[in-house]
Each structure stands twice: as structure tokens, then as C-alpha cells.
Amino acid sequence: MAFDRAKTIMELKRIQKELKKIEIEVEAGNGSVKMTVNGEQKVQSVSIDPSLLNADSGERLERFLESAFNQAITRSQQEAADKMKGVAGGLGLPGL
């Protein structure tokens, strides 16, 4: 049992390293805002169309940024869940 748990923990650490390398790219506002996050849900880059950087576009830009961020985090969480699905059950934690 202890060997299985140690093996599972090592596998989870390997997956964590893999998640750091995953890049998830999303777009909002028909490509006006682009965002890249990694599998650890850390923002790697944000690109904003210059036409959105004027005072009249502030609310639109905020909506596009919110949409891009939410999409990126959701996809990152899905990637992590998919990678850990088979491994987490080996820890014997309830609900996994």
C-alpha cells in the first residue's frame, strides 16, 4: 500500500511538471483579445488589439478580457483534470 501511494505521488509530481509546459490559447472579441495560460493556470501572455485601447472601448475591453480569462482557466482546469483522472484515485482520497 505504501509503495502504491509513493508511486502515485511520483506520478502526480510528473503530471504537475507536464502541466507547466501546456499552453492554452484563447481568443475573445473575434480575436481582439488573446490570452495564453499554462496548465498551472498562470497567465503567460495577453494581446490586445490597439483599437480597444481608447476611452470609448473600456467596457468592451473589460468584457473581452473577462471572457478570455474565464475560457483560459476553464480549459486549464479541464486539462489538469484529464491528466490526473487516472492517478488521483490511487491516493484513496474521497471523491477522486
PDB file of N, CA and C in Angstrom:
ATOM      1  N   MET A   1       0.828  -1.196   0.000  1.00  0.00           N
ATOM      2  CA  MET A   1       0.000   0.000   0.000  1.00  0.00           C
ATOM      3  C   MET A   1       0.868   1.254   0.000  1.00  0.00           C
ATOM      4  N   ALA A   2       1.911   1.297   0.850  1.00  0.00           N
ATOM      5  CA  ALA A   2       2.781   2.465   0.914  1.00  0.00           C
ATOM      6  C   ALA A   2       3.514   2.653  -0.415  1.00  0.00           C
ATOM      7  N   PHE A   3       3.904   1.545  -1.047  1.00  0.00           N
ATOM      8  CA  PHE A   3       4.584   1.630  -2.336  1.00  0.00           C
ATOM      9  C   PHE A   3       3.653   2.222  -3.385  1.00  0.00           C
ATOM     10  N   ASP A   4       2.393   1.772  -3.399  1.00  0.00           N
ATOM     11  CA  ASP A   4       1.417   2.295  -4.361  1.00  0.00           C
ATOM     12  C   ASP A   4       1.201   3.791  -4.156  1.00  0.00           C
ATOM     13  N   ARG A   5       1.116   4.203  -2.897  1.00  0.00           N
ATOM     14  CA  ARG A   5       0.898   5.617  -2.596  1.00  0.00           C
ATOM     15  C   ARG A   5       2.111   6.439  -3.062  1.00  0.00           C
ATOM     16  N   ALA A   6       3.319   5.953  -2.804  1.00  0.00           N
ATOM     17  CA  ALA A   6       4.531   6.659  -3.225  1.00  0.00           C
ATOM     18  C   ALA A   6       4.590   6.747  -4.748  1.00  0.00           C
ATOM     19  N   LYS A   7       4.224   5.663  -5.402  1.00  0.00           N
ATOM     20  CA  LYS A   7       4.208   5.638  -6.860  1.00  0.00           C
ATOM     21  C   LYS A   7       3.205   6.658  -7.399  1.00  0.00           C
ATOM     22  N   THR A   8       2.048   6.732  -6.769  1.00  0.00           N
ATOM     23  CA  THR A   8       1.018   7.676  -7.182  1.00  0.00           C
ATOM     24  C   THR A   8       1.483   9.114  -6.976  1.00  0.00           C
ATOM     25  N   ILE A   9       2.121   9.384  -5.868  1.00  0.00           N
ATOM     26  CA  ILE A   9       2.626  10.732  -5.595  1.00  0.00           C
ATOM     27  C   ILE A   9       3.678  11.121  -6.627  1.00  0.00           C
ATOM     28  N   MET A  10       4.550  10.197  -6.980  1.00  0.00           N
ATOM     29  CA  MET A  10       5.554  10.477  -8.007  1.00  0.00           C
ATOM     30  C   MET A  10       4.893  10.776  -9.346  1.00  0.00           C
ATOM     31  N   GLU A  11       3.848  10.037  -9.662  1.00  0.00           N
ATOM     32  CA  GLU A  11       3.118  10.257 -10.904  1.00  0.00           C
ATOM     33  C   GLU A  11       2.449  11.637 -10.902  1.00  0.00           C
ATOM     34  N   LEU A  12       1.886  12.034  -9.769  1.00  0.00           N
ATOM     35  CA  LEU A  12       1.265  13.359  -9.670  1.00  0.00           C
ATOM     36  C   LEU A  12       2.299  14.470  -9.852  1.00  0.00           C
ATOM     37  N   LYS A  13       3.470  14.290  -9.315  1.00  0.00           N
ATOM     38  CA  LYS A  13       4.532  15.285  -9.490  1.00  0.00           C
ATOM     39  C   LYS A  13       4.946  15.377 -10.955  1.00  0.00           C
ATOM     40  N   ARG A  14       4.987  14.233 -11.628  1.00  0.00           N
ATOM     41  CA  ARG A  14       5.319  14.221 -13.056  1.00  0.00           C
ATOM     42  C   ARG A  14       4.253  14.985 -13.855  1.00  0.00           C
ATOM     43  N   ILE A  15       2.998  14.769 -13.487  1.00  0.00           N
ATOM     44  CA  ILE A  15       1.905  15.459 -14.170  1.00  0.00           C
ATOM     45  C   ILE A  15       1.984  16.962 -13.924  1.00  0.00           C
ATOM     46  N   GLN A  16       2.323  17.367 -12.708  1.00  0.00           N
ATOM     47  CA  GLN A  16       2.470  18.791 -12.413  1.00  0.00           C
ATOM     48  C   GLN A  16       3.519  19.432 -13.320  1.00  0.00           C
ATOM     49  N   LYS A  17       4.621  18.723 -13.539  1.00  0.00           N
ATOM     50  CA  LYS A  17       5.668  19.245 -14.430  1.00  0.00           C
ATOM     51  C   LYS A  17       5.144  19.365 -15.858  1.00  0.00           C
ATOM     52  N   GLU A  18       4.356  18.379 -16.283  1.00  0.00           N
ATOM     53  CA  GLU A  18       3.761  18.420 -17.619  1.00  0.00           C
ATOM     54  C   GLU A  18       2.823  19.610 -17.750  1.00  0.00           C
ATOM     55  N   LEU A  19       2.032  19.864 -16.707  1.00  0.00           N
ATOM     56  CA  LEU A  19       1.065  20.957 -16.763  1.00  0.00           C
ATOM     57  C   LEU A  19       1.751  22.308 -16.927  1.00  0.00           C
ATOM     58  N   LYS A  20       2.945  22.456 -16.377  1.00  0.00           N
ATOM     59  CA  LYS A  20       3.682  23.704 -16.529  1.00  0.00           C
ATOM     60  C   LYS A  20       3.987  23.981 -17.996  1.00  0.00           C
ATOM     61  N   LYS A  21       4.160  22.907 -18.760  1.00  0.00           N
ATOM     62  CA  LYS A  21       4.558  23.039 -20.157  1.00  0.00           C
ATOM     63  C   LYS A  21       3.377  23.245 -21.108  1.00  0.00           C
ATOM     64  N   ILE A  22       2.178  22.925 -20.659  1.00  0.00           N
ATOM     65  CA  ILE A  22       0.996  23.055 -21.519  1.00  0.00           C
ATOM     66  C   ILE A  22       0.652  24.527 -21.691  1.00  0.00           C
ATOM     67  N   GLU A  23       0.412  24.939 -22.928  1.00  0.00           N
ATOM     68  CA  GLU A  23      -0.037  26.298 -23.204  1.00  0.00           C
ATOM     69  C   GLU A  23      -1.423  26.249 -23.817  1.00  0.00           C
ATOM     70  N   ILE A  24      -2.321  27.022 -23.237  1.00  0.00           N
ATOM     71  CA  ILE A  24      -3.698  27.073 -23.702  1.00  0.00           C
ATOM     72  C   ILE A  24      -3.944  28.490 -24.214  1.00  0.00           C
ATOM     73  N   GLU A  25      -4.308  28.593 -25.483  1.00  0.00           N
ATOM     74  CA  GLU A  25      -4.551  29.891 -26.093  1.00  0.00           C
ATOM     75  C   GLU A  25      -6.040  30.066 -26.337  1.00  0.00           C
ATOM     76  N   VAL A  26      -6.558  31.234 -25.958  1.00  0.00           N
ATOM     77  CA  VAL A  26      -7.970  31.549 -26.180  1.00  0.00           C
ATOM     78  C   VAL A  26      -8.076  32.941 -26.785  1.00  0.00           C
ATOM     79  N   GLU A  27      -9.224  33.193 -27.412  1.00  0.00           N
ATOM     80  CA  GLU A  27      -9.493  34.496 -28.001  1.00  0.00           C
ATOM     81  C   GLU A  27     -10.878  34.953 -27.573  1.00  0.00           C
ATOM     82  N   ALA A  28     -11.053  36.261 -27.499  1.00  0.00           N
ATOM     83  CA  ALA A  28     -12.360  36.847 -27.227  1.00  0.00           C
ATOM     84  C   ALA A  28     -12.508  38.070 -28.122  1.00  0.00           C
ATOM     85  N   GLY A  29     -13.753  38.457 -28.355  1.00  0.00           N
ATOM     86  CA  GLY A  29     -13.997  39.630 -29.199  1.00  0.00           C
ATOM     87  C   GLY A  29     -13.501  39.438 -30.609  1.00  0.00           C
ATOM     88  N   ASN A  30     -13.767  38.270 -31.183  1.00  0.00           N
ATOM     89  CA  ASN A  30     -13.332  37.946 -32.546  1.00  0.00           C
ATOM     90  C   ASN A  30     -11.832  38.141 -32.733  1.00  0.00           C
ATOM     91  N   GLY A  31     -11.066  37.760 -31.725  1.00  0.00           N
ATOM     92  CA  GLY A  31      -9.617  37.841 -31.808  1.00  0.00           C
ATOM     93  C   GLY A  31      -9.036  39.160 -31.330  1.00  0.00           C
ATOM     94  N   SER A  32      -9.889  40.070 -30.843  1.00  0.00           N
ATOM     95  CA  SER A  32      -9.406  41.364 -30.352  1.00  0.00           C
ATOM     96  C   SER A  32      -8.549  41.220 -29.097  1.00  0.00           C
ATOM     97  N   VAL A  33      -8.868  40.193 -28.305  1.00  0.00           N
ATOM     98  CA  VAL A  33      -8.098  39.902 -27.098  1.00  0.00           C
ATOM     99  C   VAL A  33      -7.668  38.447 -27.180  1.00  0.00           C
ATOM    100  N   LYS A  34      -6.373  38.219 -27.000  1.00  0.00           N
ATOM    101  CA  LYS A  34      -5.835  36.862 -26.994  1.00  0.00           C
ATOM    102  C   LYS A  34      -5.096  36.654 -25.685  1.00  0.00           C
ATOM    103  N   MET A  35      -5.257  35.464 -25.124  1.00  0.00           N
ATOM    104  CA  MET A  35      -4.609  35.174 -23.847  1.00  0.00           C
ATOM    105  C   MET A  35      -4.048  33.760 -23.893  1.00  0.00           C
ATOM    106  N   THR A  36      -2.898  33.597 -23.275  1.00  0.00           N
ATOM    107  CA  THR A  36      -2.274  32.282 -23.146  1.00  0.00           C
ATOM    108  C   THR A  36      -2.036  32.022 -21.669  1.00  0.00           C
ATOM    109  N   VAL A  37      -2.481  30.849 -21.203  1.00  0.00           N
ATOM    110  CA  VAL A  37      -2.207  30.415 -19.833  1.00  0.00           C
ATOM    111  C   VAL A  37      -1.541  29.057 -19.909  1.00  0.00           C
ATOM    112  N   ASN A  38      -0.840  28.686 -18.844  1.00  0.00           N
ATOM    113  CA  ASN A  38      -0.264  27.346 -18.813  1.00  0.00           C
ATOM    114  C   ASN A  38      -1.183  26.425 -18.012  1.00  0.00           C
ATOM    115  N   GLY A  39      -0.790  25.184 -17.909  1.00  0.00           N
ATOM    116  CA  GLY A  39      -1.604  24.195 -17.206  1.00  0.00           C
ATOM    117  C   GLY A  39      -1.688  24.425 -15.713  1.00  0.00           C
ATOM    118  N   GLU A  40      -0.891  25.357 -15.197  1.00  0.00           N
ATOM    119  CA  GLU A  40      -0.966  25.725 -13.788  1.00  0.00           C
ATOM    120  C   GLU A  40      -1.879  26.925 -13.583  1.00  0.00           C
ATOM    121  N   GLN A  41      -2.553  27.330 -14.649  1.00  0.00           N
ATOM    122  CA  GLN A  41      -3.490  28.447 -14.641  1.00  0.00           C
ATOM    123  C   GLN A  41      -2.801  29.783 -14.409  1.00  0.00           C
ATOM    124  N   LYS A  42      -1.577  29.896 -14.865  1.00  0.00           N
ATOM    125  CA  LYS A  42      -0.847  31.154 -14.784  1.00  0.00           C
ATOM    126  C   LYS A  42      -0.850  31.811 -16.159  1.00  0.00           C
ATOM    127  N   VAL A  43      -1.212  33.094 -16.186  1.00  0.00           N
ATOM    128  CA  VAL A  43      -1.255  33.820 -17.447  1.00  0.00           C
ATOM    129  C   VAL A  43       0.166  33.994 -17.967  1.00  0.00           C
ATOM    130  N   GLN A  44       0.369  33.579 -19.205  1.00  0.00           N
ATOM    131  CA  GLN A  44       1.678  33.678 -19.845  1.00  0.00           C
ATOM    132  C   GLN A  44       1.763  34.908 -20.739  1.00  0.00           C
ATOM    133  N   SER A  45       0.649  35.253 -21.398  1.00  0.00           N
ATOM    134  CA  SER A  45       0.651  36.430 -22.262  1.00  0.00           C
ATOM    135  C   SER A  45      -0.769  36.917 -22.500  1.00  0.00           C
ATOM    136  N   VAL A  46      -0.867  38.215 -22.799  1.00  0.00           N
ATOM    137  CA  VAL A  46      -2.134  38.855 -23.155  1.00  0.00           C
ATOM    138  C   VAL A  46      -1.834  39.778 -24.328  1.00  0.00           C
ATOM    139  N   SER A  47      -2.666  39.690 -25.350  1.00  0.00           N
ATOM    140  CA  SER A  47      -2.521  40.549 -26.514  1.00  0.00           C
ATOM    141  C   SER A  47      -3.847  41.273 -26.733  1.00  0.00           C
ATOM    142  N   ILE A  48      -3.777  42.596 -26.879  1.00  0.00           N
ATOM    143  CA  ILE A  48      -4.992  43.410 -27.038  1.00  0.00           C
ATOM    144  C   ILE A  48      -4.861  44.210 -28.324  1.00  0.00           C
ATOM    145  N   ASP A  49      -5.893  44.139 -29.154  1.00  0.00           N
ATOM    146  CA  ASP A  49      -5.927  44.924 -30.379  1.00  0.00           C
ATOM    147  C   ASP A  49      -5.872  46.406 -30.000  1.00  0.00           C
ATOM    148  N   PRO A  50      -4.960  47.162 -30.590  1.00  0.00           N
ATOM    149  CA  PRO A  50      -4.805  48.578 -30.244  1.00  0.00           C
ATOM    150  C   PRO A  50      -6.097  49.399 -30.375  1.00  0.00           C
ATOM    151  N   SER A  51      -7.012  48.984 -31.242  1.00  0.00           N
ATOM    152  CA  SER A  51      -8.258  49.740 -31.405  1.00  0.00           C
ATOM    153  C   SER A  51      -9.118  49.718 -30.143  1.00  0.00           C
ATOM    154  N   LEU A  52      -8.842  48.773 -29.232  1.00  0.00           N
ATOM    155  CA  LEU A  52      -9.603  48.698 -27.985  1.00  0.00           C
ATOM    156  C   LEU A  52      -8.995  49.546 -26.874  1.00  0.00           C
ATOM    157  N   LEU A  53      -7.899  50.205 -27.159  1.00  0.00           N
ATOM    158  CA  LEU A  53      -7.192  50.952 -26.124  1.00  0.00           C
ATOM    159  C   LEU A  53      -7.554  52.436 -26.097  1.00  0.00           C
ATOM    160  N   ASN A  54      -8.768  52.762 -26.446  1.00  0.00           N
ATOM    161  CA  ASN A  54      -9.216  54.148 -26.315  1.00  0.00           C
ATOM    162  C   ASN A  54     -10.330  54.225 -25.273  1.00  0.00           C
ATOM    163  N   ALA A  55     -10.613  55.397 -24.814  1.00  0.00           N
ATOM    164  CA  ALA A  55     -11.557  55.590 -23.701  1.00  0.00           C
ATOM    165  C   ALA A  55     -12.957  55.049 -24.014  1.00  0.00           C
ATOM    166  N   ASP A  56     -13.363  55.100 -25.261  1.00  0.00           N
ATOM    167  CA  ASP A  56     -14.707  54.650 -25.627  1.00  0.00           C
ATOM    168  C   ASP A  56     -14.853  53.128 -25.603  1.00  0.00           C
ATOM    169  N   SER A  57     -13.765  52.401 -25.638  1.00  0.00           N
ATOM    170  CA  SER A  57     -13.808  50.936 -25.707  1.00  0.00           C
ATOM    171  C   SER A  57     -13.535  50.266 -24.371  1.00  0.00           C
ATOM    172  N   GLY A  58     -13.447  51.018 -23.304  1.00  0.00           N
ATOM    173  CA  GLY A  58     -13.086  50.471 -22.000  1.00  0.00           C
ATOM    174  C   GLY A  58     -13.972  49.327 -21.543  1.00  0.00           C
ATOM    175  N   GLU A  59     -15.271  49.498 -21.611  1.00  0.00           N
ATOM    176  CA  GLU A  59     -16.189  48.445 -21.156  1.00  0.00           C
ATOM    177  C   GLU A  59     -16.091  47.215 -22.036  1.00  0.00           C
ATOM    178  N   ARG A  60     -15.984  47.419 -23.337  1.00  0.00           N
ATOM    179  CA  ARG A  60     -15.840  46.277 -24.257  1.00  0.00           C
ATOM    180  C   ARG A  60     -14.566  45.506 -23.960  1.00  0.00           C
ATOM    181  N   LEU A  61     -13.477  46.235 -23.753  1.00  0.00           N
ATOM    182  CA  LEU A  61     -12.198  45.596 -23.435  1.00  0.00           C
ATOM    183  C   LEU A  61     -12.312  44.791 -22.153  1.00  0.00           C
ATOM    184  N   GLU A  62     -12.949  45.339 -21.143  1.00  0.00           N
ATOM    185  CA  GLU A  62     -13.124  44.618 -19.874  1.00  0.00           C
ATOM    186  C   GLU A  62     -13.904  43.326 -20.087  1.00  0.00           C
ATOM    187  N   ARG A  63     -14.968  43.375 -20.882  1.00  0.00           N
ATOM    188  CA  ARG A  63     -15.762  42.159 -21.160  1.00  0.00           C
ATOM    189  C   ARG A  63     -14.932  41.117 -21.905  1.00  0.00           C
ATOM    190  N   PHE A  64     -14.157  41.569 -22.884  1.00  0.00           N
ATOM    191  CA  PHE A  64     -13.326  40.643 -23.661  1.00  0.00           C
ATOM    192  C   PHE A  64     -12.256  40.003 -22.779  1.00  0.00           C
ATOM    193  N   LEU A  65     -11.632  40.807 -21.916  1.00  0.00           N
ATOM    194  CA  LEU A  65     -10.619  40.260 -21.007  1.00  0.00           C
ATOM    195  C   LEU A  65     -11.226  39.252 -20.045  1.00  0.00           C
ATOM    196  N   GLU A  66     -12.384  39.573 -19.506  1.00  0.00           N
ATOM    197  CA  GLU A  66     -13.064  38.648 -18.596  1.00  0.00           C
ATOM    198  C   GLU A  66     -13.396  37.343 -19.307  1.00  0.00           C
ATOM    199  N   SER A  67     -13.911  37.446 -20.508  1.00  0.00           N
ATOM    200  CA  SER A  67     -14.264  36.255 -21.282  1.00  0.00           C
ATOM    201  C   SER A  67     -13.032  35.403 -21.579  1.00  0.00           C
ATOM    202  N   ALA A  68     -11.958  36.044 -22.026  1.00  0.00           N
ATOM    203  CA  ALA A  68     -10.734  35.302 -22.356  1.00  0.00           C
ATOM    204  C   ALA A  68     -10.174  34.625 -21.112  1.00  0.00           C
ATOM    205  N   PHE A  69     -10.137  35.335 -20.012  1.00  0.00           N
ATOM    206  CA  PHE A  69      -9.595  34.769 -18.775  1.00  0.00           C
ATOM    207  C   PHE A  69     -10.424  33.572 -18.326  1.00  0.00           C
ATOM    208  N   ASN A  70     -11.740  33.701 -18.333  1.00  0.00           N
ATOM    209  CA  ASN A  70     -12.605  32.598 -17.900  1.00  0.00           C
ATOM    210  C   ASN A  70     -12.463  31.381 -18.805  1.00  0.00           C
ATOM    211  N   GLN A  71     -12.375  31.602 -20.110  1.00  0.00           N
ATOM    212  CA  GLN A  71     -12.179  30.494 -21.048  1.00  0.00           C
ATOM    213  C   GLN A  71     -10.856  29.781 -20.773  1.00  0.00           C
ATOM    214  N   ALA A  72      -9.818  30.569 -20.576  1.00  0.00           N
ATOM    215  CA  ALA A  72      -8.483  30.002 -20.360  1.00  0.00           C
ATOM    216  C   ALA A  72      -8.433  29.176 -19.082  1.00  0.00           C
ATOM    217  N   ILE A  73      -8.998  29.693 -18.008  1.00  0.00           N
ATOM    218  CA  ILE A  73      -8.981  28.969 -16.735  1.00  0.00           C
ATOM    219  C   ILE A  73      -9.807  27.688 -16.841  1.00  0.00           C
ATOM    220  N   THR A  74     -10.971  27.772 -17.456  1.00  0.00           N
ATOM    221  CA  THR A  74     -11.817  26.580 -17.615  1.00  0.00           C
ATOM    222  C   THR A  74     -11.082  25.496 -18.402  1.00  0.00           C
ATOM    223  N   ARG A  75     -10.445  25.876 -19.500  1.00  0.00           N
ATOM    224  CA  ARG A  75      -9.714  24.881 -20.302  1.00  0.00           C
ATOM    225  C   ARG A  75      -8.518  24.332 -19.556  1.00  0.00           C
ATOM    226  N   SER A  76      -7.850  25.168 -18.791  1.00  0.00           N
ATOM    227  CA  SER A  76      -6.704  24.719 -17.999  1.00  0.00           C
ATOM    228  C   SER A  76      -7.158  23.716 -16.940  1.00  0.00           C
ATOM    229  N   GLN A  77      -8.263  23.989 -16.298  1.00  0.00           N
ATOM    230  CA  GLN A  77      -8.796  23.066 -15.291  1.00  0.00           C
ATOM    231  C   GLN A  77      -9.185  21.734 -15.921  1.00  0.00           C
ATOM    232  N   GLN A  78      -9.751  21.781 -17.125  1.00  0.00           N
ATOM    233  CA  GLN A  78     -10.124  20.550 -17.828  1.00  0.00           C
ATOM    234  C   GLN A  78      -8.889  19.728 -18.168  1.00  0.00           C
ATOM    235  N   GLU A  79      -7.844  20.392 -18.643  1.00  0.00           N
ATOM    236  CA  GLU A  79      -6.589  19.693 -18.965  1.00  0.00           C
ATOM    237  C   GLU A  79      -6.031  18.999 -17.727  1.00  0.00           C
ATOM    238  N   ALA A  80      -5.989  19.730 -16.620  1.00  0.00           N
ATOM    239  CA  ALA A  80      -5.447  19.167 -15.374  1.00  0.00           C
ATOM    240  C   ALA A  80      -6.291  17.986 -14.912  1.00  0.00           C
ATOM    241  N   ALA A  81      -7.605  18.142 -14.960  1.00  0.00           N
ATOM    242  CA  ALA A  81      -8.493  17.056 -14.519  1.00  0.00           C
ATOM    243  C   ALA A  81      -8.309  15.820 -15.384  1.00  0.00           C
ATOM    244  N   ASP A  82      -8.185  16.018 -16.696  1.00  0.00           N
ATOM    245  CA  ASP A  82      -7.993  14.880 -17.599  1.00  0.00           C
ATOM    246  C   ASP A  82      -6.696  14.146 -17.298  1.00  0.00           C
ATOM    247  N   LYS A  83      -5.629  14.891 -17.052  1.00  0.00           N
ATOM    248  CA  LYS A  83      -4.332  14.259 -16.785  1.00  0.00           C
ATOM    249  C   LYS A  83      -4.308  13.539 -15.440  1.00  0.00           C
ATOM    250  N   MET A  84      -5.025  14.047 -14.462  1.00  0.00           N
ATOM    251  CA  MET A  84      -4.975  13.474 -13.108  1.00  0.00           C
ATOM    252  C   MET A  84      -6.054  12.429 -12.853  1.00  0.00           C
ATOM    253  N   LYS A  85      -6.968  12.283 -13.765  1.00  0.00           N
ATOM    254  CA  LYS A  85      -8.107  11.387 -13.576  1.00  0.00           C
ATOM    255  C   LYS A  85      -7.705   9.989 -13.131  1.00  0.00           C
ATOM    256  N   GLY A  86      -6.789   9.382 -13.829  1.00  0.00           N
ATOM    257  CA  GLY A  86      -6.408   8.017 -13.510  1.00  0.00           C
ATOM    258  C   GLY A  86      -5.493   7.893 -12.301  1.00  0.00           C
ATOM    259  N   VAL A  87      -4.802   8.955 -11.969  1.00  0.00           N
ATOM    260  CA  VAL A  87      -3.797   8.893 -10.914  1.00  0.00           C
ATOM    261  C   VAL A  87      -4.368   9.217  -9.536  1.00  0.00           C
ATOM    262  N   ALA A  88      -5.208  10.213  -9.467  1.00  0.00           N
ATOM    263  CA  ALA A  88      -5.704  10.705  -8.175  1.00  0.00           C
ATOM    264  C   ALA A  88      -6.486   9.640  -7.420  1.00  0.00           C
ATOM    265  N   GLY A  89      -7.150   8.764  -8.128  1.00  0.00           N
ATOM    266  CA  GLY A  89      -7.895   7.696  -7.462  1.00  0.00           C
ATOM    267  C   GLY A  89      -7.000   6.769  -6.662  1.00  0.00           C
ATOM    268  N   GLY A  90      -5.735   6.670  -7.043  1.00  0.00           N
ATOM    269  CA  GLY A  90      -4.791   5.805  -6.356  1.00  0.00           C
ATOM    270  C   GLY A  90      -4.386   6.325  -4.974  1.00  0.00           C
ATOM    271  N   LEU A  91      -4.737   7.548  -4.685  1.00  0.00           N
ATOM    272  CA  LEU A  91      -4.398   8.107  -3.371  1.00  0.00           C
ATOM    273  C   LEU A  91      -5.411   7.720  -2.297  1.00  0.00           C
ATOM    274  N   GLY A  92      -6.556   7.213  -2.729  1.00  0.00           N
ATOM    275  CA  GLY A  92      -7.583   6.812  -1.766  1.00  0.00           C
ATOM    276  C   GLY A  92      -8.284   7.992  -1.138  1.00  0.00           C
ATOM    277  N   LEU A  93      -8.298   9.143  -1.834  1.00  0.00           N
ATOM    278  CA  LEU A  93      -8.995  10.307  -1.313  1.00  0.00           C
ATOM    279  C   LEU A  93     -10.459  10.256  -1.726  1.00  0.00           C
ATOM    280  N   PRO A  94     -11.370  10.594  -0.809  1.00  0.00           N
ATOM    281  CA  PRO A  94     -12.784  10.549  -1.149  1.00  0.00           C
ATOM    282  C   PRO A  94     -13.102  11.501  -2.299  1.00  0.00           C
ATOM    283  N   GLY A  95     -13.950  11.057  -3.192  1.00  0.00           N
ATOM    284  CA  GLY A  95     -14.394  11.898  -4.300  1.00  0.00           C
ATOM    285  C   GLY A  95     -13.459  11.917  -5.488  1.00  0.00           C
ATOM    286  N   LEU A  96     -12.319  11.244  -5.427  1.00  0.00           N
ATOM    287  CA  LEU A  96     -11.397  11.233  -6.564  1.00  0.00           C
ATOM    288  C   LEU A  96     -11.373   9.896  -7.242  1.00  0.00           C
TER     289      LEU A  96
END
